Amino acid sequence: MSDARASAGTSAPTVLRMILGRRLQERRLGAGVSLDDAAKALRVTSLTVRRLEKAEVGLKPLYVEKLLQTYGAGQQEIDEFVELAERANEPGWWHAYRDVVPSWFTAYVSLESGAKTLRTYEPQYVTGLLQTYGYARAVLRGGFPNDGDEELERRVDLRLRRQSLLEKPDAPTLWVVMEEAVLHRVAGGPEIMREQIDRLLEVSELDHVSVDIVPFSAGAHVGACAPFTYFRFEEPELPDVVYSEILSASVYLDQRSDVAAHLEAHNRMSLLTSSADSRTLLHRMRKEYS
């Protein structure tokens, strides 16, 4: 298990749980133990074991220990695995914002924190990782009109804290594709829009950030749909994941066909513009807000 310690040491809790769940499944299959037999060892249903392997529930150390014993693991491997399971159950920094974050979005923040590559498509707003304070406040005020000032500020603070991952020495690669409509949708007024466009121009100069804007002239295209984010991880155990959302819920996709369809859409949309054209459009829109 020394490889687990090395590759999972800095992973966000949900991502680490995904890694350990995959490894539990590998140990079970390697030992030739069925889901039903694993469930009997724990005196639970096979669905519970499947949910453990899919990281849909927390990894109870006692369950982990009993399963690994059933799979014939040695005590050192069990001890190291249990230690990682305990770490995976620790709340992430975003747990402090649970009062203003839907439960279905906490997994997103964890995936975002642990990803090596992020690709996003945004048809309506600037992606959260690139929003300024003023823009984020205006967007969140529109999305949560019944929030008090304190709740709103906490939502904004969470959004801005998420952006710190772009400043890390091992920052992930971020590739954003946005519709030109995003720049015409005024959030907070002309001054705030100018600040937001300045921010986009600034980050587009970074080596690990790309900002592509699909112009109106591109017409109908394959990606004209709901916003989505594609995650790729450094850990080989983890599949690529796509996240998409609707008004009150979200969906996480890891089936290869689903992920491939979104990745192809992102690639096709990026071909509808260029970095130079996107910067020209940003400069033009900034003048319109002067």
C-alpha atoms as a PDB file:
ATOM      1  CA  MET A   1       0.000   0.000   0.000  1.00  0.00           C
ATOM      2  CA  SER A   2       2.969   2.399  -0.094  1.00  0.00           C
ATOM      3  CA  ASP A   3       1.807   3.392  -3.595  1.00  0.00           C
ATOM      4  CA  ALA A   4      -1.540   4.466  -2.131  1.00  0.00           C
ATOM      5  CA  ARG A   5       0.170   6.667   0.411  1.00  0.00           C
ATOM      6  CA  ALA A   6       2.243   8.351  -2.285  1.00  0.00           C
ATOM      7  CA  SER A   7      -0.463   8.966  -4.862  1.00  0.00           C
ATOM      8  CA  ALA A   8      -3.311   9.827  -2.499  1.00  0.00           C
ATOM      9  CA  GLY A   9      -1.499  11.914   0.078  1.00  0.00           C
ATOM     10  CA  THR A  10      -2.742  15.304  -1.103  1.00  0.00           C
ATOM     11  CA  SER A  11      -6.099  14.287  -2.580  1.00  0.00           C
ATOM     12  CA  ALA A  12      -9.314  15.972  -1.510  1.00  0.00           C
ATOM     13  CA  PRO A  13     -11.516  13.762   0.739  1.00  0.00           C
ATOM     14  CA  THR A  14     -14.047  12.681  -1.893  1.00  0.00           C
ATOM     15  CA  VAL A  15     -11.315  12.003  -4.449  1.00  0.00           C
ATOM     16  CA  LEU A  16      -9.337   9.970  -1.927  1.00  0.00           C
ATOM     17  CA  ARG A  17     -12.493   8.000  -1.102  1.00  0.00           C
ATOM     18  CA  MET A  18     -12.924   7.283  -4.811  1.00  0.00           C
ATOM     19  CA  ILE A  19      -9.350   5.989  -5.014  1.00  0.00           C
ATOM     20  CA  LEU A  20      -9.766   3.741  -1.988  1.00  0.00           C
ATOM     21  CA  GLY A  21     -13.124   2.469  -3.219  1.00  0.00           C
ATOM     22  CA  ARG A  22     -11.540   1.465  -6.514  1.00  0.00           C
ATOM     23  CA  ARG A  23      -8.729  -0.292  -4.666  1.00  0.00           C
ATOM     24  CA  LEU A  24     -11.170  -2.164  -2.452  1.00  0.00           C
ATOM     25  CA  GLN A  25     -12.881  -3.390  -5.596  1.00  0.00           C
ATOM     26  CA  GLU A  26      -9.535  -4.434  -7.085  1.00  0.00           C
ATOM     27  CA  ARG A  27      -8.643  -6.357  -3.894  1.00  0.00           C
ATOM     28  CA  ARG A  28     -12.026  -8.107  -3.911  1.00  0.00           C
ATOM     29  CA  LEU A  29     -11.815  -9.118  -7.566  1.00  0.00           C
ATOM     30  CA  GLY A  30      -8.188 -10.156  -7.151  1.00  0.00           C
ATOM     31  CA  ALA A  31      -9.182 -12.425  -4.270  1.00  0.00           C
ATOM     32  CA  GLY A  32     -12.065 -13.903  -6.246  1.00  0.00           C
ATOM     33  CA  VAL A  33     -14.651 -12.762  -3.698  1.00  0.00           C
ATOM     34  CA  SER A  34     -18.158 -11.971  -4.922  1.00  0.00           C
ATOM     35  CA  LEU A  35     -20.175  -8.971  -3.796  1.00  0.00           C
ATOM     36  CA  ASP A  36     -22.526 -11.296  -1.928  1.00  0.00           C
ATOM     37  CA  ASP A  37     -19.678 -13.002  -0.042  1.00  0.00           C
ATOM     38  CA  ALA A  38     -18.138  -9.631   0.854  1.00  0.00           C
ATOM     39  CA  ALA A  39     -21.528  -8.494   2.110  1.00  0.00           C
ATOM     40  CA  LYS A  40     -21.901 -11.617   4.255  1.00  0.00           C
ATOM     41  CA  ALA A  41     -18.540 -10.883   5.894  1.00  0.00           C
ATOM     42  CA  LEU A  42     -19.840  -7.478   6.943  1.00  0.00           C
ATOM     43  CA  ARG A  43     -23.411  -8.674   7.602  1.00  0.00           C
ATOM     44  CA  VAL A  44     -24.742  -6.020   5.239  1.00  0.00           C
ATOM     45  CA  THR A  45     -26.331  -6.052   1.800  1.00  0.00           C
ATOM     46  CA  SER A  46     -24.311  -6.358  -1.393  1.00  0.00           C
ATOM     47  CA  LEU A  47     -25.584  -2.865  -2.276  1.00  0.00           C
ATOM     48  CA  THR A  48     -23.677  -1.482   0.725  1.00  0.00           C
ATOM     49  CA  VAL A  49     -20.426  -3.056  -0.486  1.00  0.00           C
ATOM     50  CA  ARG A  50     -21.048  -1.713  -4.005  1.00  0.00           C
ATOM     51  CA  ARG A  51     -21.639   1.786  -2.611  1.00  0.00           C
ATOM     52  CA  LEU A  52     -18.385   1.552  -0.633  1.00  0.00           C
ATOM     53  CA  GLU A  53     -16.519   0.662  -3.800  1.00  0.00           C
ATOM     54  CA  LYS A  54     -18.152   3.493  -5.732  1.00  0.00           C
ATOM     55  CA  ALA A  55     -17.381   6.040  -2.975  1.00  0.00           C
ATOM     56  CA  GLU A  56     -21.064   6.821  -2.542  1.00  0.00           C
ATOM     57  CA  VAL A  57     -20.755   6.496   1.246  1.00  0.00           C
ATOM     58  CA  GLY A  58     -18.021   7.049   3.794  1.00  0.00           C
ATOM     59  CA  LEU A  59     -15.450   4.317   4.365  1.00  0.00           C
ATOM     60  CA  LYS A  60     -16.033   2.931   7.861  1.00  0.00           C
ATOM     61  CA  PRO A  61     -12.644   1.775   9.176  1.00  0.00           C
ATOM     62  CA  LEU A  62     -14.168  -1.376  10.710  1.00  0.00           C
ATOM     63  CA  TYR A  63     -15.745  -2.286   7.375  1.00  0.00           C
ATOM     64  CA  VAL A  64     -12.489  -1.642   5.540  1.00  0.00           C
ATOM     65  CA  GLU A  65     -10.519  -3.778   7.991  1.00  0.00           C
ATOM     66  CA  LYS A  66     -12.979  -6.684   7.801  1.00  0.00           C
ATOM     67  CA  LEU A  67     -13.125  -6.589   4.000  1.00  0.00           C
ATOM     68  CA  LEU A  68      -9.354  -6.597   3.621  1.00  0.00           C
ATOM     69  CA  GLN A  69      -9.085  -9.508   6.068  1.00  0.00           C
ATOM     70  CA  THR A  70     -11.652 -11.347   3.950  1.00  0.00           C
ATOM     71  CA  TYR A  71      -9.538 -10.619   0.850  1.00  0.00           C
ATOM     72  CA  GLY A  72      -6.415 -12.031   2.503  1.00  0.00           C
ATOM     73  CA  ALA A  73      -4.512  -8.765   2.982  1.00  0.00           C
ATOM     74  CA  GLY A  74      -1.596  -8.562   5.430  1.00  0.00           C
ATOM     75  CA  GLN A  75      -1.783  -6.497   8.606  1.00  0.00           C
ATOM     76  CA  GLN A  76       0.568  -3.752   7.378  1.00  0.00           C
ATOM     77  CA  GLU A  77      -1.541  -3.235   4.261  1.00  0.00           C
ATOM     78  CA  ILE A  78      -4.709  -3.191   6.375  1.00  0.00           C
ATOM     79  CA  ASP A  79      -3.272  -0.629   8.809  1.00  0.00           C
ATOM     80  CA  GLU A  80      -2.166   1.690   6.005  1.00  0.00           C
ATOM     81  CA  PHE A  81      -5.491   1.346   4.186  1.00  0.00           C
ATOM     82  CA  VAL A  82      -7.466   2.089   7.356  1.00  0.00           C
ATOM     83  CA  GLU A  83      -5.327   5.162   8.002  1.00  0.00           C
ATOM     84  CA  LEU A  84      -6.128   6.453   4.524  1.00  0.00           C
ATOM     85  CA  ALA A  85      -9.822   5.640   5.017  1.00  0.00           C
ATOM     86  CA  GLU A  86      -9.866   7.744   8.169  1.00  0.00           C
ATOM     87  CA  ARG A  87      -8.230  10.597   6.269  1.00  0.00           C
ATOM     88  CA  ALA A  88     -10.764  10.241   3.461  1.00  0.00           C
ATOM     89  CA  ASN A  89     -13.577  10.696   5.969  1.00  0.00           C
ATOM     90  CA  GLU A  90     -12.199  13.984   7.252  1.00  0.00           C
ATOM     91  CA  PRO A  91     -14.243  16.984   6.071  1.00  0.00           C
ATOM     92  CA  GLY A  92     -12.734  19.234   3.428  1.00  0.00           C
ATOM     93  CA  TRP A  93     -12.191  22.951   4.026  1.00  0.00           C
ATOM     94  CA  TRP A  94     -15.525  23.636   2.292  1.00  0.00           C
ATOM     95  CA  HIS A  95     -17.365  21.753   5.053  1.00  0.00           C
ATOM     96  CA  ALA A  96     -17.438  25.043   6.961  1.00  0.00           C
ATOM     97  CA  TYR A  97     -19.781  26.372   4.246  1.00  0.00           C
ATOM     98  CA  ARG A  98     -22.257  23.500   4.420  1.00  0.00           C
ATOM     99  CA  ASP A  99     -24.991  25.920   5.492  1.00  0.00           C
ATOM    100  CA  VAL A 100     -24.895  27.632   2.075  1.00  0.00           C
ATOM    101  CA  VAL A 101     -23.763  24.770  -0.166  1.00  0.00           C
ATOM    102  CA  PRO A 102     -26.214  22.153  -1.485  1.00  0.00           C
ATOM    103  CA  SER A 103     -25.156  18.630  -0.516  1.00  0.00           C
ATOM    104  CA  TRP A 104     -24.944  17.655  -4.192  1.00  0.00           C
ATOM    105  CA  PHE A 105     -22.377  20.400  -4.834  1.00  0.00           C
ATOM    106  CA  THR A 106     -19.866  19.439  -2.133  1.00  0.00           C
ATOM    107  CA  ALA A 107     -18.633  16.557  -4.306  1.00  0.00           C
ATOM    108  CA  TYR A 108     -17.975  19.069  -7.085  1.00  0.00           C
ATOM    109  CA  VAL A 109     -15.711  21.180  -4.868  1.00  0.00           C
ATOM    110  CA  SER A 110     -13.790  18.064  -3.869  1.00  0.00           C
ATOM    111  CA  LEU A 111     -13.357  16.931  -7.483  1.00  0.00           C
ATOM    112  CA  GLU A 112     -12.295  20.442  -8.457  1.00  0.00           C
ATOM    113  CA  SER A 113      -9.722  20.492  -5.658  1.00  0.00           C
ATOM    114  CA  GLY A 114      -8.244  17.148  -6.686  1.00  0.00           C
ATOM    115  CA  ALA A 115      -8.300  17.415 -10.483  1.00  0.00           C
ATOM    116  CA  LYS A 116      -5.211  17.836 -12.648  1.00  0.00           C
ATOM    117  CA  THR A 117      -7.172  19.090 -15.659  1.00  0.00           C
ATOM    118  CA  LEU A 118     -10.466  20.978 -15.776  1.00  0.00           C
ATOM    119  CA  ARG A 119     -12.415  21.844 -18.899  1.00  0.00           C
ATOM    120  CA  THR A 120     -15.581  23.891 -18.601  1.00  0.00           C
ATOM    121  CA  TYR A 121     -18.321  25.062 -20.917  1.00  0.00           C
ATOM    122  CA  GLU A 122     -20.366  28.063 -19.806  1.00  0.00           C
ATOM    123  CA  PRO A 123     -23.233  29.404 -21.935  1.00  0.00           C
ATOM    124  CA  GLN A 124     -24.563  31.944 -19.416  1.00  0.00           C
ATOM    125  CA  TYR A 125     -21.948  33.198 -16.942  1.00  0.00           C
ATOM    126  CA  VAL A 126     -18.206  33.445 -16.411  1.00  0.00           C
ATOM    127  CA  THR A 127     -17.044  30.220 -14.783  1.00  0.00           C
ATOM    128  CA  GLY A 128     -16.829  30.481 -10.986  1.00  0.00           C
ATOM    129  CA  LEU A 129     -13.062  29.969 -10.856  1.00  0.00           C
ATOM    130  CA  LEU A 130     -12.531  33.185 -12.833  1.00  0.00           C
ATOM    131  CA  GLN A 131     -15.185  35.449 -11.316  1.00  0.00           C
ATOM    132  CA  THR A 132     -14.338  38.704  -9.544  1.00  0.00           C
ATOM    133  CA  TYR A 133     -15.905  39.575  -6.216  1.00  0.00           C
ATOM    134  CA  GLY A 134     -18.338  42.068  -7.726  1.00  0.00           C
ATOM    135  CA  TYR A 135     -19.388  39.759 -10.550  1.00  0.00           C
ATOM    136  CA  ALA A 136     -19.766  36.754  -8.233  1.00  0.00           C
ATOM    137  CA  ARG A 137     -21.895  38.780  -5.820  1.00  0.00           C
ATOM    138  CA  ALA A 138     -24.172  39.982  -8.620  1.00  0.00           C
ATOM    139  CA  VAL A 139     -24.584  36.492 -10.090  1.00  0.00           C
ATOM    140  CA  LEU A 140     -25.245  34.866  -6.723  1.00  0.00           C
ATOM    141  CA  ARG A 141     -27.671  37.594  -5.735  1.00  0.00           C
ATOM    142  CA  GLY A 142     -29.632  36.808  -8.890  1.00  0.00           C
ATOM    143  CA  GLY A 143     -29.482  33.070  -8.258  1.00  0.00           C
ATOM    144  CA  PHE A 144     -30.453  33.267  -4.579  1.00  0.00           C
ATOM    145  CA  PRO A 145     -32.804  36.262  -4.309  1.00  0.00           C
ATOM    146  CA  ASN A 146     -34.098  35.237  -0.885  1.00  0.00           C
ATOM    147  CA  ASP A 147     -30.659  35.147   0.774  1.00  0.00           C
ATOM    148  CA  GLY A 148     -29.835  37.656   3.472  1.00  0.00           C
ATOM    149  CA  ASP A 149     -26.623  39.662   3.188  1.00  0.00           C
ATOM    150  CA  GLU A 150     -24.713  37.283   5.486  1.00  0.00           C
ATOM    151  CA  GLU A 151     -25.686  34.188   3.511  1.00  0.00           C
ATOM    152  CA  LEU A 152     -24.838  35.919   0.245  1.00  0.00           C
ATOM    153  CA  GLU A 153     -21.396  36.936   1.504  1.00  0.00           C
ATOM    154  CA  ARG A 154     -20.673  33.362   2.567  1.00  0.00           C
ATOM    155  CA  ARG A 155     -21.578  32.078  -0.881  1.00  0.00           C
ATOM    156  CA  VAL A 156     -19.281  34.675  -2.449  1.00  0.00           C
ATOM    157  CA  ASP A 157     -16.489  33.850  -0.003  1.00  0.00           C
ATOM    158  CA  LEU A 158     -16.703  30.144  -0.859  1.00  0.00           C
ATOM    159  CA  ARG A 159     -16.551  30.914  -4.579  1.00  0.00           C
ATOM    160  CA  LEU A 160     -13.478  33.116  -4.159  1.00  0.00           C
ATOM    161  CA  ARG A 161     -11.734  30.618  -1.876  1.00  0.00           C
ATOM    162  CA  ARG A 162     -12.123  27.946  -4.541  1.00  0.00           C
ATOM    163  CA  GLN A 163     -10.027  30.111  -6.868  1.00  0.00           C
ATOM    164  CA  SER A 164      -6.913  29.649  -4.726  1.00  0.00           C
ATOM    165  CA  LEU A 165      -6.249  26.309  -6.443  1.00  0.00           C
ATOM    166  CA  LEU A 166      -5.182  28.228  -9.567  1.00  0.00           C
ATOM    167  CA  GLU A 167      -2.396  29.864  -7.556  1.00  0.00           C
ATOM    168  CA  LYS A 168      -0.833  26.650  -6.242  1.00  0.00           C
ATOM    169  CA  PRO A 169       2.603  25.559  -7.485  1.00  0.00           C
ATOM    170  CA  ASP A 170       0.938  22.420  -8.881  1.00  0.00           C
ATOM    171  CA  ALA A 171      -2.140  24.251 -10.142  1.00  0.00           C
ATOM    172  CA  PRO A 172      -4.404  22.307 -12.496  1.00  0.00           C
ATOM    173  CA  THR A 173      -4.795  23.182 -16.145  1.00  0.00           C
ATOM    174  CA  LEU A 174      -8.022  25.107 -16.728  1.00  0.00           C
ATOM    175  CA  TRP A 175      -9.558  25.374 -20.198  1.00  0.00           C
ATOM    176  CA  VAL A 176     -12.694  27.497 -20.343  1.00  0.00           C
ATOM    177  CA  VAL A 177     -15.035  27.755 -23.314  1.00  0.00           C
ATOM    178  CA  MET A 178     -17.720  30.439 -22.980  1.00  0.00           C
ATOM    179  CA  GLU A 179     -20.417  31.787 -25.251  1.00  0.00           C
ATOM    180  CA  GLU A 180     -20.185  35.429 -26.348  1.00  0.00           C
ATOM    181  CA  ALA A 181     -23.586  35.833 -24.682  1.00  0.00           C
ATOM    182  CA  VAL A 182     -21.786  35.671 -21.325  1.00  0.00           C
ATOM    183  CA  LEU A 183     -20.129  39.021 -22.057  1.00  0.00           C
ATOM    184  CA  HIS A 184     -23.424  40.659 -22.998  1.00  0.00           C
ATOM    185  CA  ARG A 185     -25.280  39.452 -19.901  1.00  0.00           C
ATOM    186  CA  VAL A 186     -24.689  42.396 -17.561  1.00  0.00           C
ATOM    187  CA  ALA A 187     -24.109  41.363 -13.945  1.00  0.00           C
ATOM    188  CA  GLY A 188     -23.774  44.227 -11.492  1.00  0.00           C
ATOM    189  CA  GLY A 189     -23.367  47.067 -13.970  1.00  0.00           C
ATOM    190  CA  PRO A 190     -20.766  48.359 -16.459  1.00  0.00           C
ATOM    191  CA  GLU A 191     -17.970  48.883 -13.930  1.00  0.00           C
ATOM    192  CA  ILE A 192     -18.245  45.353 -12.608  1.00  0.00           C
ATOM    193  CA  MET A 193     -18.326  43.991 -16.156  1.00  0.00           C
ATOM    194  CA  ARG A 194     -15.139  45.917 -16.997  1.00  0.00           C
ATOM    195  CA  GLU A 195     -13.432  44.485 -13.925  1.00  0.00           C
ATOM    196  CA  GLN A 196     -14.565  41.003 -14.891  1.00  0.00           C
ATOM    197  CA  ILE A 197     -13.287  41.338 -18.453  1.00  0.00           C
ATOM    198  CA  ASP A 198      -9.975  42.657 -17.130  1.00  0.00           C
ATOM    199  CA  ARG A 199      -9.775  39.542 -14.980  1.00  0.00           C
ATOM    200  CA  LEU A 200     -10.385  37.303 -17.998  1.00  0.00           C
ATOM    201  CA  LEU A 201      -7.702  39.101 -19.980  1.00  0.00           C
ATOM    202  CA  GLU A 202      -5.288  38.753 -17.069  1.00  0.00           C
ATOM    203  CA  VAL A 203      -5.761  35.031 -16.468  1.00  0.00           C
ATOM    204  CA  SER A 204      -5.724  34.224 -20.188  1.00  0.00           C
ATOM    205  CA  GLU A 205      -2.031  35.151 -20.105  1.00  0.00           C
ATOM    206  CA  LEU A 206      -1.276  32.358 -17.632  1.00  0.00           C
ATOM    207  CA  ASP A 207       0.324  29.222 -19.017  1.00  0.00           C
ATOM    208  CA  HIS A 208      -2.145  26.911 -17.277  1.00  0.00           C
ATOM    209  CA  VAL A 209      -5.335  28.830 -18.142  1.00  0.00           C
ATOM    210  CA  SER A 210      -7.034  29.085 -21.540  1.00  0.00           C
ATOM    211  CA  VAL A 211     -10.108  31.210 -22.230  1.00  0.00           C
ATOM    212  CA  ASP A 212     -11.966  30.636 -25.507  1.00  0.00           C
ATOM    213  CA  ILE A 213     -15.094  32.609 -26.376  1.00  0.00           C
ATOM    214  CA  VAL A 214     -17.430  31.221 -29.031  1.00  0.00           C
ATOM    215  CA  PRO A 215     -18.731  34.222 -31.030  1.00  0.00           C
ATOM    216  CA  PHE A 216     -22.335  34.711 -32.086  1.00  0.00           C
ATOM    217  CA  SER A 217     -21.125  34.334 -35.675  1.00  0.00           C
ATOM    218  CA  ALA A 218     -20.397  30.637 -34.992  1.00  0.00           C
ATOM    219  CA  GLY A 219     -24.142  30.007 -35.154  1.00  0.00           C
ATOM    220  CA  ALA A 220     -25.617  26.733 -33.921  1.00  0.00           C
ATOM    221  CA  HIS A 221     -23.047  24.259 -32.651  1.00  0.00           C
ATOM    222  CA  VAL A 222     -22.706  20.934 -30.889  1.00  0.00           C
ATOM    223  CA  GLY A 223     -22.146  22.343 -27.420  1.00  0.00           C
ATOM    224  CA  ALA A 224     -25.106  24.711 -27.211  1.00  0.00           C
ATOM    225  CA  CYS A 225     -26.512  23.015 -24.123  1.00  0.00           C
ATOM    226  CA  ALA A 226     -26.252  23.042 -20.346  1.00  0.00           C
ATOM    227  CA  PRO A 227     -22.994  24.068 -18.675  1.00  0.00           C
ATOM    228  CA  PHE A 228     -20.616  21.254 -17.818  1.00  0.00           C
ATOM    229  CA  THR A 229     -17.204  20.618 -16.293  1.00  0.00           C
ATOM    230  CA  TYR A 230     -14.836  17.821 -17.240  1.00  0.00           C
ATOM    231  CA  PHE A 231     -12.372  16.546 -14.627  1.00  0.00           C
ATOM    232  CA  ARG A 232      -9.239  14.515 -15.243  1.00  0.00           C
ATOM    233  CA  PHE A 233      -7.111  13.271 -12.343  1.00  0.00           C
ATOM    234  CA  GLU A 234      -3.458  12.422 -11.893  1.00  0.00           C
ATOM    235  CA  GLU A 235      -4.294   9.197 -10.075  1.00  0.00           C
ATOM    236  CA  PRO A 236      -4.547   6.355 -12.605  1.00  0.00           C
ATOM    237  CA  GLU A 237      -7.306   4.643 -10.602  1.00  0.00           C
ATOM    238  CA  LEU A 238      -9.764   7.436 -11.218  1.00  0.00           C
ATOM    239  CA  PRO A 239     -11.903   7.725 -14.324  1.00  0.00           C
ATOM    240  CA  ASP A 240     -12.522  11.042 -16.027  1.00  0.00           C
ATOM    241  CA  VAL A 241     -15.709  12.625 -14.681  1.00  0.00           C
ATOM    242  CA  VAL A 242     -18.172  15.109 -16.177  1.00  0.00           C
ATOM    243  CA  TYR A 243     -20.419  17.272 -14.034  1.00  0.00           C
ATOM    244  CA  SER A 244     -23.516  19.034 -15.309  1.00  0.00           C
ATOM    245  CA  GLU A 245     -26.353  20.726 -13.481  1.00  0.00           C
ATOM    246  CA  ILE A 246     -29.903  21.893 -13.715  1.00  0.00           C
ATOM    247  CA  LEU A 247     -31.790  24.365 -11.524  1.00  0.00           C
ATOM    248  CA  SER A 248     -31.962  22.273  -8.357  1.00  0.00           C
ATOM    249  CA  ALA A 249     -29.759  19.223  -8.870  1.00  0.00           C
ATOM    250  CA  SER A 250     -26.733  17.863 -10.655  1.00  0.00           C
ATOM    251  CA  VAL A 251     -25.433  14.767 -12.419  1.00  0.00           C
ATOM    252  CA  TYR A 252     -21.963  13.190 -12.319  1.00  0.00           C
ATOM    253  CA  LEU A 253     -21.041  11.047 -15.319  1.00  0.00           C
ATOM    254  CA  ASP A 254     -18.122   8.625 -15.519  1.00  0.00           C
ATOM    255  CA  GLN A 255     -19.262   6.211 -18.232  1.00  0.00           C
ATOM    256  CA  ARG A 256     -16.735   6.399 -21.066  1.00  0.00           C
ATOM    257  CA  SER A 257     -19.347   7.122 -23.724  1.00  0.00           C
ATOM    258  CA  ASP A 258     -20.820  10.036 -21.750  1.00  0.00           C
ATOM    259  CA  VAL A 259     -17.428  11.512 -20.929  1.00  0.00           C
ATOM    260  CA  ALA A 260     -16.219  11.099 -24.511  1.00  0.00           C
ATOM    261  CA  ALA A 261     -19.295  12.909 -25.863  1.00  0.00           C
ATOM    262  CA  HIS A 262     -18.681  15.925 -23.627  1.00  0.00           C
ATOM    263  CA  LEU A 263     -14.960  15.944 -24.352  1.00  0.00           C
ATOM    264  CA  GLU A 264     -15.618  15.872 -28.094  1.00  0.00           C
ATOM    265  CA  ALA A 265     -18.121  18.731 -27.734  1.00  0.00           C
ATOM    266  CA  HIS A 266     -15.553  20.793 -25.851  1.00  0.00           C
ATOM    267  CA  ASN A 267     -12.941  20.114 -28.522  1.00  0.00           C
ATOM    268  CA  ARG A 268     -15.321  21.041 -31.329  1.00  0.00           C
ATOM    269  CA  MET A 269     -16.345  24.285 -29.621  1.00  0.00           C
ATOM    270  CA  SER A 270     -12.737  25.310 -29.102  1.00  0.00           C
ATOM    271  CA  LEU A 271     -12.225  25.064 -32.871  1.00  0.00           C
ATOM    272  CA  LEU A 272     -14.891  27.730 -33.414  1.00  0.00           C
ATOM    273  CA  THR A 273     -12.577  30.426 -32.068  1.00  0.00           C
ATOM    274  CA  SER A 274      -8.943  31.104 -31.146  1.00  0.00           C
ATOM    275  CA  SER A 275      -7.106  32.654 -28.234  1.00  0.00           C
ATOM    276  CA  ALA A 276      -6.276  35.723 -30.326  1.00  0.00           C
ATOM    277  CA  ASP A 277      -9.865  36.153 -31.519  1.00  0.00           C
ATOM    278  CA  SER A 278     -11.132  35.678 -27.977  1.00  0.00           C
ATOM    279  CA  ARG A 279      -8.826  38.379 -26.638  1.00  0.00           C
ATOM    280  CA  THR A 280      -9.893  40.733 -29.437  1.00  0.00           C
ATOM    281  CA  LEU A 281     -13.526  40.133 -28.491  1.00  0.00           C
ATOM    282  CA  LEU A 282     -12.762  40.759 -24.815  1.00  0.00           C
ATOM    283  CA  HIS A 283     -11.066  44.077 -25.606  1.00  0.00           C
ATOM    284  CA  ARG A 284     -13.992  45.120 -27.794  1.00  0.00           C
ATOM    285  CA  MET A 285     -16.549  44.272 -25.121  1.00  0.00           C
ATOM    286  CA  ARG A 286     -14.533  46.105 -22.482  1.00  0.00           C
ATOM    287  CA  LYS A 287     -14.778  49.296 -24.563  1.00  0.00           C
ATOM    288  CA  GLU A 288     -18.538  48.869 -24.751  1.00  0.00           C
ATOM    289  CA  TYR A 289     -18.714  48.988 -20.952  1.00  0.00           C
ATOM    290  CA  SER A 290     -16.583  52.157 -20.719  1.00  0.00           C
END
